């Protein structure tokens, strides 16, 4: 039986992944978008670059006029929270 791939939001709600880990994952992506998948302490992995690339919400948010840094971080976090993570191995 295949393991269901839960979203980052599901894993945060369950307490499997902490808010601090999510901030660290977003920080790592902002620092180096080409770094590859982020591995959480639980062993789950998330390719934030892929989540951002697939997110229509991300494109809409960053297209808004005005300051970009906070909007960019919020858009990355939003894309990441709805992304399905690879299970630990």
PDB file of N, CA and C in Angstrom:
ATOM      1  N   UNK A   1       0.842  -1.182   0.000  1.00  0.00           N
ATOM      2  CA  UNK A   1       0.000   0.000   0.000  1.00  0.00           C
ATOM      3  C   UNK A   1       0.885   1.243   0.000  1.00  0.00           C
ATOM      4  N   UNK A   2       0.611   2.169  -0.888  1.00  0.00           N
ATOM      5  CA  UNK A   2       1.414   3.388  -1.006  1.00  0.00           C
ATOM      6  C   UNK A   2       1.111   4.343   0.145  1.00  0.00           C
ATOM      7  N   UNK A   3       2.138   5.048   0.589  1.00  0.00           N
ATOM      8  CA  UNK A   3       1.974   6.042   1.636  1.00  0.00           C
ATOM      9  C   UNK A   3       1.451   7.328   1.024  1.00  0.00           C
ATOM     10  N   UNK A   4       0.409   7.896   1.650  1.00  0.00           N
ATOM     11  CA  UNK A   4      -0.152   9.149   1.158  1.00  0.00           C
ATOM     12  C   UNK A   4       0.870  10.267   1.351  1.00  0.00           C
ATOM     13  N   UNK A   5       1.021  11.108   0.345  1.00  0.00           N
ATOM     14  CA  UNK A   5       1.926  12.257   0.425  1.00  0.00           C
ATOM     15  C   UNK A   5       1.142  13.430   0.988  1.00  0.00           C
ATOM     16  N   UNK A   6       1.408  13.780   2.237  1.00  0.00           N
ATOM     17  CA  UNK A   6       0.706  14.859   2.910  1.00  0.00           C
ATOM     18  C   UNK A   6       1.287  16.212   2.545  1.00  0.00           C
ATOM     19  N   UNK A   7       0.465  17.242   2.690  1.00  0.00           N
ATOM     20  CA  UNK A   7       0.950  18.595   2.439  1.00  0.00           C
ATOM     21  C   UNK A   7       1.756  19.074   3.643  1.00  0.00           C
ATOM     22  N   UNK A   8       2.533  20.101   3.417  1.00  0.00           N
ATOM     23  CA  UNK A   8       3.288  20.711   4.505  1.00  0.00           C
ATOM     24  C   UNK A   8       2.325  21.223   5.574  1.00  0.00           C
ATOM     25  N   UNK A   9       1.196  21.779   5.153  1.00  0.00           N
ATOM     26  CA  UNK A   9       0.196  22.265   6.109  1.00  0.00           C
ATOM     27  C   UNK A   9      -0.334  21.118   6.976  1.00  0.00           C
ATOM     28  N   UNK A  10      -0.588  19.953   6.372  1.00  0.00           N
ATOM     29  CA  UNK A  10      -1.043  18.785   7.132  1.00  0.00           C
ATOM     30  C   UNK A  10      -0.018  18.372   8.176  1.00  0.00           C
ATOM     31  N   UNK A  11       1.246  18.332   7.759  1.00  0.00           N
ATOM     32  CA  UNK A  11       2.310  17.905   8.665  1.00  0.00           C
ATOM     33  C   UNK A  11       2.558  18.930   9.770  1.00  0.00           C
ATOM     34  N   UNK A  12       2.370  20.201   9.480  1.00  0.00           N
ATOM     35  CA  UNK A  12       2.497  21.248  10.506  1.00  0.00           C
ATOM     36  C   UNK A  12       1.369  21.118  11.513  1.00  0.00           C
ATOM     37  N   UNK A  13       0.168  20.916  11.032  1.00  0.00           N
ATOM     38  CA  UNK A  13      -0.997  20.776  11.914  1.00  0.00           C
ATOM     39  C   UNK A  13      -0.858  19.554  12.822  1.00  0.00           C
ATOM     40  N   UNK A  14      -0.283  18.489  12.301  1.00  0.00           N
ATOM     41  CA  UNK A  14      -0.083  17.265  13.080  1.00  0.00           C
ATOM     42  C   UNK A  14       1.088  17.373  14.050  1.00  0.00           C
ATOM     43  N   UNK A  15       1.888  18.434  13.919  1.00  0.00           N
ATOM     44  CA  UNK A  15       3.041  18.611  14.792  1.00  0.00           C
ATOM     45  C   UNK A  15       4.279  17.858  14.336  1.00  0.00           C
ATOM     46  N   UNK A  16       4.216  17.281  13.148  1.00  0.00           N
ATOM     47  CA  UNK A  16       5.361  16.545  12.607  1.00  0.00           C
ATOM     48  C   UNK A  16       6.470  17.496  12.191  1.00  0.00           C
ATOM     49  N   UNK A  17       6.079  18.641  11.654  1.00  0.00           N
ATOM     50  CA  UNK A  17       7.020  19.682  11.226  1.00  0.00           C
ATOM     51  C   UNK A  17       6.659  20.960  11.972  1.00  0.00           C
ATOM     52  N   UNK A  18       7.669  21.642  12.496  1.00  0.00           N
ATOM     53  CA  UNK A  18       7.437  22.857  13.280  1.00  0.00           C
ATOM     54  C   UNK A  18       7.435  24.104  12.407  1.00  0.00           C
ATOM     55  N   UNK A  19       6.876  25.161  12.952  1.00  0.00           N
ATOM     56  CA  UNK A  19       6.893  26.458  12.262  1.00  0.00           C
ATOM     57  C   UNK A  19       8.324  26.917  12.019  1.00  0.00           C
ATOM     58  N   UNK A  20       9.198  26.671  12.980  1.00  0.00           N
ATOM     59  CA  UNK A  20      10.609  27.057  12.834  1.00  0.00           C
ATOM     60  C   UNK A  20      11.261  26.345  11.654  1.00  0.00           C
ATOM     61  N   UNK A  21      10.909  25.092  11.458  1.00  0.00           N
ATOM     62  CA  UNK A  21      11.459  24.350  10.322  1.00  0.00           C
ATOM     63  C   UNK A  21      10.951  24.925   9.002  1.00  0.00           C
ATOM     64  N   UNK A  22       9.699  25.349   8.981  1.00  0.00           N
ATOM     65  CA  UNK A  22       9.132  25.933   7.766  1.00  0.00           C
ATOM     66  C   UNK A  22       9.848  27.245   7.438  1.00  0.00           C
ATOM     67  N   UNK A  23      10.079  28.057   8.451  1.00  0.00           N
ATOM     68  CA  UNK A  23      10.819  29.311   8.255  1.00  0.00           C
ATOM     69  C   UNK A  23      12.217  29.004   7.723  1.00  0.00           C
ATOM     70  N   UNK A  24      12.875  27.997   8.288  1.00  0.00           N
ATOM     71  CA  UNK A  24      14.222  27.626   7.834  1.00  0.00           C
ATOM     72  C   UNK A  24      14.205  27.151   6.385  1.00  0.00           C
ATOM     73  N   UNK A  25      13.180  26.395   6.006  1.00  0.00           N
ATOM     74  CA  UNK A  25      13.073  25.915   4.624  1.00  0.00           C
ATOM     75  C   UNK A  25      12.877  27.077   3.657  1.00  0.00           C
ATOM     76  N   UNK A  26      12.010  28.025   4.023  1.00  0.00           N
ATOM     77  CA  UNK A  26      11.788  29.197   3.177  1.00  0.00           C
ATOM     78  C   UNK A  26      13.060  30.034   3.099  1.00  0.00           C
ATOM     79  N   UNK A  27      13.736  30.225   4.227  1.00  0.00           N
ATOM     80  CA  UNK A  27      15.006  30.958   4.239  1.00  0.00           C
ATOM     81  C   UNK A  27      16.014  30.312   3.294  1.00  0.00           C
ATOM     82  N   UNK A  28      16.109  28.985   3.348  1.00  0.00           N
ATOM     83  CA  UNK A  28      17.062  28.268   2.486  1.00  0.00           C
ATOM     84  C   UNK A  28      16.720  28.484   1.016  1.00  0.00           C
ATOM     85  N   UNK A  29      15.440  28.449   0.680  1.00  0.00           N
ATOM     86  CA  UNK A  29      15.031  28.673  -0.710  1.00  0.00           C
ATOM     87  C   UNK A  29      15.328  30.110  -1.143  1.00  0.00           C
ATOM     88  N   UNK A  30      14.998  31.074  -0.300  1.00  0.00           N
ATOM     89  CA  UNK A  30      15.234  32.482  -0.647  1.00  0.00           C
ATOM     90  C   UNK A  30      16.731  32.723  -0.851  1.00  0.00           C
ATOM     91  N   UNK A  31      17.553  32.095  -0.012  1.00  0.00           N
ATOM     92  CA  UNK A  31      19.007  32.254  -0.124  1.00  0.00           C
ATOM     93  C   UNK A  31      19.550  31.608  -1.397  1.00  0.00           C
ATOM     94  N   UNK A  32      19.016  30.418  -1.745  1.00  0.00           N
ATOM     95  CA  UNK A  32      19.510  29.702  -2.922  1.00  0.00           C
ATOM     96  C   UNK A  32      18.382  28.875  -3.534  1.00  0.00           C
ATOM     97  N   UNK A  33      17.629  29.449  -4.477  1.00  0.00           N
ATOM     98  CA  UNK A  33      16.513  28.728  -5.083  1.00  0.00           C
ATOM     99  C   UNK A  33      16.909  27.435  -5.805  1.00  0.00           C
ATOM    100  N   UNK A  34      18.172  27.278  -6.129  1.00  0.00           N
ATOM    101  CA  UNK A  34      18.629  26.082  -6.841  1.00  0.00           C
ATOM    102  C   UNK A  34      19.208  25.019  -5.907  1.00  0.00           C
ATOM    103  N   UNK A  35      19.037  25.182  -4.614  1.00  0.00           N
ATOM    104  CA  UNK A  35      19.653  24.279  -3.640  1.00  0.00           C
ATOM    105  C   UNK A  35      19.098  22.862  -3.659  1.00  0.00           C
ATOM    106  N   UNK A  36      17.935  22.672  -4.205  1.00  0.00           N
ATOM    107  CA  UNK A  36      17.337  21.334  -4.231  1.00  0.00           C
ATOM    108  C   UNK A  36      16.368  21.140  -3.083  1.00  0.00           C
ATOM    109  N   UNK A  37      15.823  19.937  -2.955  1.00  0.00           N
ATOM    110  CA  UNK A  37      14.818  19.674  -1.923  1.00  0.00           C
ATOM    111  C   UNK A  37      15.343  19.932  -0.509  1.00  0.00           C
ATOM    112  N   UNK A  38      14.454  20.454   0.325  1.00  0.00           N
ATOM    113  CA  UNK A  38      14.778  20.709   1.729  1.00  0.00           C
ATOM    114  C   UNK A  38      14.354  19.481   2.524  1.00  0.00           C
ATOM    115  N   UNK A  39      15.233  19.018   3.403  1.00  0.00           N
ATOM    116  CA  UNK A  39      14.921  17.843   4.229  1.00  0.00           C
ATOM    117  C   UNK A  39      14.622  18.310   5.644  1.00  0.00           C
ATOM    118  N   UNK A  40      13.425  17.985   6.123  1.00  0.00           N
ATOM    119  CA  UNK A  40      13.003  18.323   7.478  1.00  0.00           C
ATOM    120  C   UNK A  40      13.511  17.275   8.458  1.00  0.00           C
ATOM    121  N   UNK A  41      13.511  17.601   9.730  1.00  0.00           N
ATOM    122  CA  UNK A  41      14.004  16.688  10.766  1.00  0.00           C
ATOM    123  C   UNK A  41      13.249  15.360  10.757  1.00  0.00           C
ATOM    124  N   UNK A  42      11.993  15.376  10.347  1.00  0.00           N
ATOM    125  CA  UNK A  42      11.179  14.159  10.290  1.00  0.00           C
ATOM    126  C   UNK A  42      11.612  13.230   9.154  1.00  0.00           C
ATOM    127  N   UNK A  43      12.433  13.764   8.254  1.00  0.00           N
ATOM    128  CA  UNK A  43      12.856  12.997   7.084  1.00  0.00           C
ATOM    129  C   UNK A  43      12.062  13.327   5.835  1.00  0.00           C
ATOM    130  N   UNK A  44      10.945  14.035   5.976  1.00  0.00           N
ATOM    131  CA  UNK A  44      10.167  14.462   4.811  1.00  0.00           C
ATOM    132  C   UNK A  44      10.998  15.445   3.998  1.00  0.00           C
ATOM    133  N   UNK A  45      10.795  15.403   2.671  1.00  0.00           N
ATOM    134  CA  UNK A  45      11.521  16.298   1.781  1.00  0.00           C
ATOM    135  C   UNK A  45      10.538  17.113   0.953  1.00  0.00           C
ATOM    136  N   UNK A  46      10.927  18.370   0.693  1.00  0.00           N
ATOM    137  CA  UNK A  46      10.093  19.264  -0.103  1.00  0.00           C
ATOM    138  C   UNK A  46      10.957  20.025  -1.087  1.00  0.00           C
ATOM    139  N   UNK A  47      10.591  19.940  -2.350  1.00  0.00           N
ATOM    140  CA  UNK A  47      11.253  20.717  -3.390  1.00  0.00           C
ATOM    141  C   UNK A  47      10.475  22.028  -3.523  1.00  0.00           C
ATOM    142  N   UNK A  48      10.922  23.049  -2.809  1.00  0.00           N
ATOM    143  CA  UNK A  48      10.202  24.322  -2.797  1.00  0.00           C
ATOM    144  C   UNK A  48      10.220  24.964  -4.176  1.00  0.00           C
ATOM    145  N   UNK A  49      11.310  24.815  -4.913  1.00  0.00           N
ATOM    146  CA  UNK A  49      11.375  25.386  -6.262  1.00  0.00           C
ATOM    147  C   UNK A  49      10.274  24.802  -7.150  1.00  0.00           C
ATOM    148  N   UNK A  50      10.030  23.512  -7.038  1.00  0.00           N
ATOM    149  CA  UNK A  50       8.969  22.876  -7.819  1.00  0.00           C
ATOM    150  C   UNK A  50       7.590  23.360  -7.356  1.00  0.00           C
ATOM    151  N   UNK A  51       7.427  23.507  -6.050  1.00  0.00           N
ATOM    152  CA  UNK A  51       6.151  23.999  -5.510  1.00  0.00           C
ATOM    153  C   UNK A  51       5.869  25.411  -6.004  1.00  0.00           C
ATOM    154  N   UNK A  52       6.891  26.248  -6.003  1.00  0.00           N
ATOM    155  CA  UNK A  52       6.752  27.624  -6.486  1.00  0.00           C
ATOM    156  C   UNK A  52       6.423  27.629  -7.981  1.00  0.00           C
ATOM    157  N   UNK A  53       7.101  26.804  -8.748  1.00  0.00           N
ATOM    158  CA  UNK A  53       6.889  26.753 -10.192  1.00  0.00           C
ATOM    159  C   UNK A  53       5.469  26.309 -10.545  1.00  0.00           C
ATOM    160  N   UNK A  54       4.872  25.464  -9.735  1.00  0.00           N
ATOM    161  CA  UNK A  54       3.527  24.949 -10.008  1.00  0.00           C
ATOM    162  C   UNK A  54       2.421  25.818  -9.417  1.00  0.00           C
ATOM    163  N   UNK A  55       2.768  26.817  -8.642  1.00  0.00           N
ATOM    164  CA  UNK A  55       1.772  27.613  -7.929  1.00  0.00           C
ATOM    165  C   UNK A  55       1.281  28.808  -8.743  1.00  0.00           C
ATOM    166  N   UNK A  56       0.005  28.790  -9.078  1.00  0.00           N
ATOM    167  CA  UNK A  56      -0.597  29.939  -9.762  1.00  0.00           C
ATOM    168  C   UNK A  56      -0.712  31.104  -8.784  1.00  0.00           C
ATOM    169  N   UNK A  57      -0.927  30.794  -7.518  1.00  0.00           N
ATOM    170  CA  UNK A  57      -1.037  31.824  -6.483  1.00  0.00           C
ATOM    171  C   UNK A  57       0.284  32.589  -6.350  1.00  0.00           C
ATOM    172  N   UNK A  58       1.408  31.887  -6.441  1.00  0.00           N
ATOM    173  CA  UNK A  58       2.722  32.531  -6.355  1.00  0.00           C
ATOM    174  C   UNK A  58       2.854  33.588  -7.445  1.00  0.00           C
ATOM    175  N   UNK A  59       2.557  33.205  -8.670  1.00  0.00           N
ATOM    176  CA  UNK A  59       2.680  34.138  -9.801  1.00  0.00           C
ATOM    177  C   UNK A  59       1.781  35.354  -9.599  1.00  0.00           C
ATOM    178  N   UNK A  60       0.568  35.127  -9.124  1.00  0.00           N
ATOM    179  CA  UNK A  60      -0.370  36.222  -8.907  1.00  0.00           C
ATOM    180  C   UNK A  60       0.122  37.160  -7.806  1.00  0.00           C
ATOM    181  N   UNK A  61       0.645  36.586  -6.734  1.00  0.00           N
ATOM    182  CA  UNK A  61       1.100  37.407  -5.604  1.00  0.00           C
ATOM    183  C   UNK A  61       2.304  38.269  -5.970  1.00  0.00           C
ATOM    184  N   UNK A  62       3.278  37.697  -6.654  1.00  0.00           N
ATOM    185  CA  UNK A  62       4.489  38.469  -6.962  1.00  0.00           C
ATOM    186  C   UNK A  62       4.280  39.450  -8.101  1.00  0.00           C
ATOM    187  N   UNK A  63       3.171  39.316  -8.821  1.00  0.00           N
ATOM    188  CA  UNK A  63       2.869  40.263  -9.901  1.00  0.00           C
ATOM    189  C   UNK A  63       2.269  41.564  -9.378  1.00  0.00           C
ATOM    190  N   UNK A  64       1.853  41.580  -8.130  1.00  0.00           N
ATOM    191  CA  UNK A  64       1.274  42.796  -7.550  1.00  0.00           C
ATOM    192  C   UNK A  64       2.314  43.906  -7.485  1.00  0.00           C
ATOM    193  N   UNK A  65       1.872  45.144  -7.653  1.00  0.00           N
ATOM    194  CA  UNK A  65       2.817  46.261  -7.510  1.00  0.00           C
ATOM    195  C   UNK A  65       3.181  46.480  -6.040  1.00  0.00           C
ATOM    196  N   UNK A  66       4.314  47.113  -5.829  1.00  0.00           N
ATOM    197  CA  UNK A  66       4.731  47.455  -4.472  1.00  0.00           C
ATOM    198  C   UNK A  66       5.975  46.703  -4.052  1.00  0.00           C
ATOM    199  N   UNK A  67       6.345  46.853  -2.765  1.00  0.00           N
ATOM    200  CA  UNK A  67       7.537  46.185  -2.238  1.00  0.00           C
ATOM    201  C   UNK A  67       7.450  44.677  -2.438  1.00  0.00           C
ATOM    202  N   UNK A  68       8.567  44.062  -2.756  1.00  0.00           N
ATOM    203  CA  UNK A  68       8.559  42.654  -3.136  1.00  0.00           C
ATOM    204  C   UNK A  68       9.064  41.678  -2.072  1.00  0.00           C
ATOM    205  N   UNK A  69       9.980  42.062  -1.212  1.00  0.00           N
ATOM    206  CA  UNK A  69      10.615  41.079  -0.334  1.00  0.00           C
ATOM    207  C   UNK A  69       9.607  40.330   0.533  1.00  0.00           C
ATOM    208  N   UNK A  70       8.751  41.048   1.244  1.00  0.00           N
ATOM    209  CA  UNK A  70       7.789  40.390   2.127  1.00  0.00           C
ATOM    210  C   UNK A  70       6.762  39.605   1.313  1.00  0.00           C
ATOM    211  N   UNK A  71       6.310  40.177   0.209  1.00  0.00           N
ATOM    212  CA  UNK A  71       5.342  39.490  -0.653  1.00  0.00           C
ATOM    213  C   UNK A  71       5.962  38.211  -1.213  1.00  0.00           C
ATOM    214  N   UNK A  72       7.220  38.274  -1.623  1.00  0.00           N
ATOM    215  CA  UNK A  72       7.909  37.109  -2.164  1.00  0.00           C
ATOM    216  C   UNK A  72       7.979  35.997  -1.122  1.00  0.00           C
ATOM    217  N   UNK A  73       8.390  36.335   0.105  1.00  0.00           N
ATOM    218  CA  UNK A  73       8.488  35.326   1.173  1.00  0.00           C
ATOM    219  C   UNK A  73       7.114  34.732   1.480  1.00  0.00           C
ATOM    220  N   UNK A  74       6.096  35.570   1.506  1.00  0.00           N
ATOM    221  CA  UNK A  74       4.740  35.090   1.769  1.00  0.00           C
ATOM    222  C   UNK A  74       4.281  34.159   0.648  1.00  0.00           C
ATOM    223  N   UNK A  75       4.580  34.520  -0.588  1.00  0.00           N
ATOM    224  CA  UNK A  75       4.196  33.698  -1.732  1.00  0.00           C
ATOM    225  C   UNK A  75       4.919  32.354  -1.714  1.00  0.00           C
ATOM    226  N   UNK A  76       6.194  32.350  -1.366  1.00  0.00           N
ATOM    227  CA  UNK A  76       6.956  31.102  -1.260  1.00  0.00           C
ATOM    228  C   UNK A  76       6.352  30.222  -0.163  1.00  0.00           C
ATOM    229  N   UNK A  77       6.059  30.814   0.988  1.00  0.00           N
ATOM    230  CA  UNK A  77       5.479  30.060   2.101  1.00  0.00           C
ATOM    231  C   UNK A  77       4.118  29.482   1.716  1.00  0.00           C
ATOM    232  N   UNK A  78       3.295  30.278   1.045  1.00  0.00           N
ATOM    233  CA  UNK A  78       1.982  29.816   0.611  1.00  0.00           C
ATOM    234  C   UNK A  78       2.108  28.628  -0.340  1.00  0.00           C
ATOM    235  N   UNK A  79       3.011  28.720  -1.301  1.00  0.00           N
ATOM    236  CA  UNK A  79       3.235  27.614  -2.240  1.00  0.00           C
ATOM    237  C   UNK A  79       3.730  26.373  -1.505  1.00  0.00           C
ATOM    238  N   UNK A  80       4.638  26.557  -0.572  1.00  0.00           N
ATOM    239  CA  UNK A  80       5.198  25.429   0.173  1.00  0.00           C
ATOM    240  C   UNK A  80       4.143  24.742   1.035  1.00  0.00           C
ATOM    241  N   UNK A  81       3.284  25.514   1.669  1.00  0.00           N
ATOM    242  CA  UNK A  81       2.289  24.940   2.586  1.00  0.00           C
ATOM    243  C   UNK A  81       1.303  24.020   1.874  1.00  0.00           C
ATOM    244  N   UNK A  82       1.027  24.279   0.614  1.00  0.00           N
ATOM    245  CA  UNK A  82       0.073  23.436  -0.110  1.00  0.00           C
ATOM    246  C   UNK A  82       0.758  22.305  -0.876  1.00  0.00           C
ATOM    247  N   UNK A  83       2.079  22.281  -0.857  1.00  0.00           N
ATOM    248  CA  UNK A  83       2.826  21.258  -1.580  1.00  0.00           C
ATOM    249  C   UNK A  83       2.799  19.917  -0.832  1.00  0.00           C
ATOM    250  N   UNK A  84       2.833  18.854  -1.580  1.00  0.00           N
ATOM    251  CA  UNK A  84       2.880  17.499  -1.004  1.00  0.00           C
ATOM    252  C   UNK A  84       4.346  17.101  -0.855  1.00  0.00           C
ATOM    253  N   UNK A  85       4.696  16.610   0.330  1.00  0.00           N
ATOM    254  CA  UNK A  85       6.082  16.265   0.620  1.00  0.00           C
ATOM    255  C   UNK A  85       6.374  14.808   0.315  1.00  0.00           C
ATOM    256  N   UNK A  86       7.631  14.547  -0.007  1.00  0.00           N
ATOM    257  CA  UNK A  86       8.081  13.173  -0.143  1.00  0.00           C
ATOM    258  C   UNK A  86       8.200  12.592   1.255  1.00  0.00           C
ATOM    259  N   UNK A  87       7.748  11.350   1.429  1.00  0.00           N
ATOM    260  CA  UNK A  87       7.809  10.746   2.765  1.00  0.00           C
ATOM    261  C   UNK A  87       9.242  10.463   3.183  1.00  0.00           C
ATOM    262  N   UNK A  88       9.443  10.307   4.482  1.00  0.00           N
ATOM    263  CA  UNK A  88      10.802   9.993   4.956  1.00  0.00           C
ATOM    264  C   UNK A  88      11.227   8.610   4.460  1.00  0.00           C
ATOM    265  N   UNK A  89      12.518   8.446   4.353  1.00  0.00           N
ATOM    266  CA  UNK A  89      13.029   7.122   3.953  1.00  0.00           C
ATOM    267  C   UNK A  89      14.107   6.684   4.887  1.00  0.00           C
TER     268      UNK A  89
END
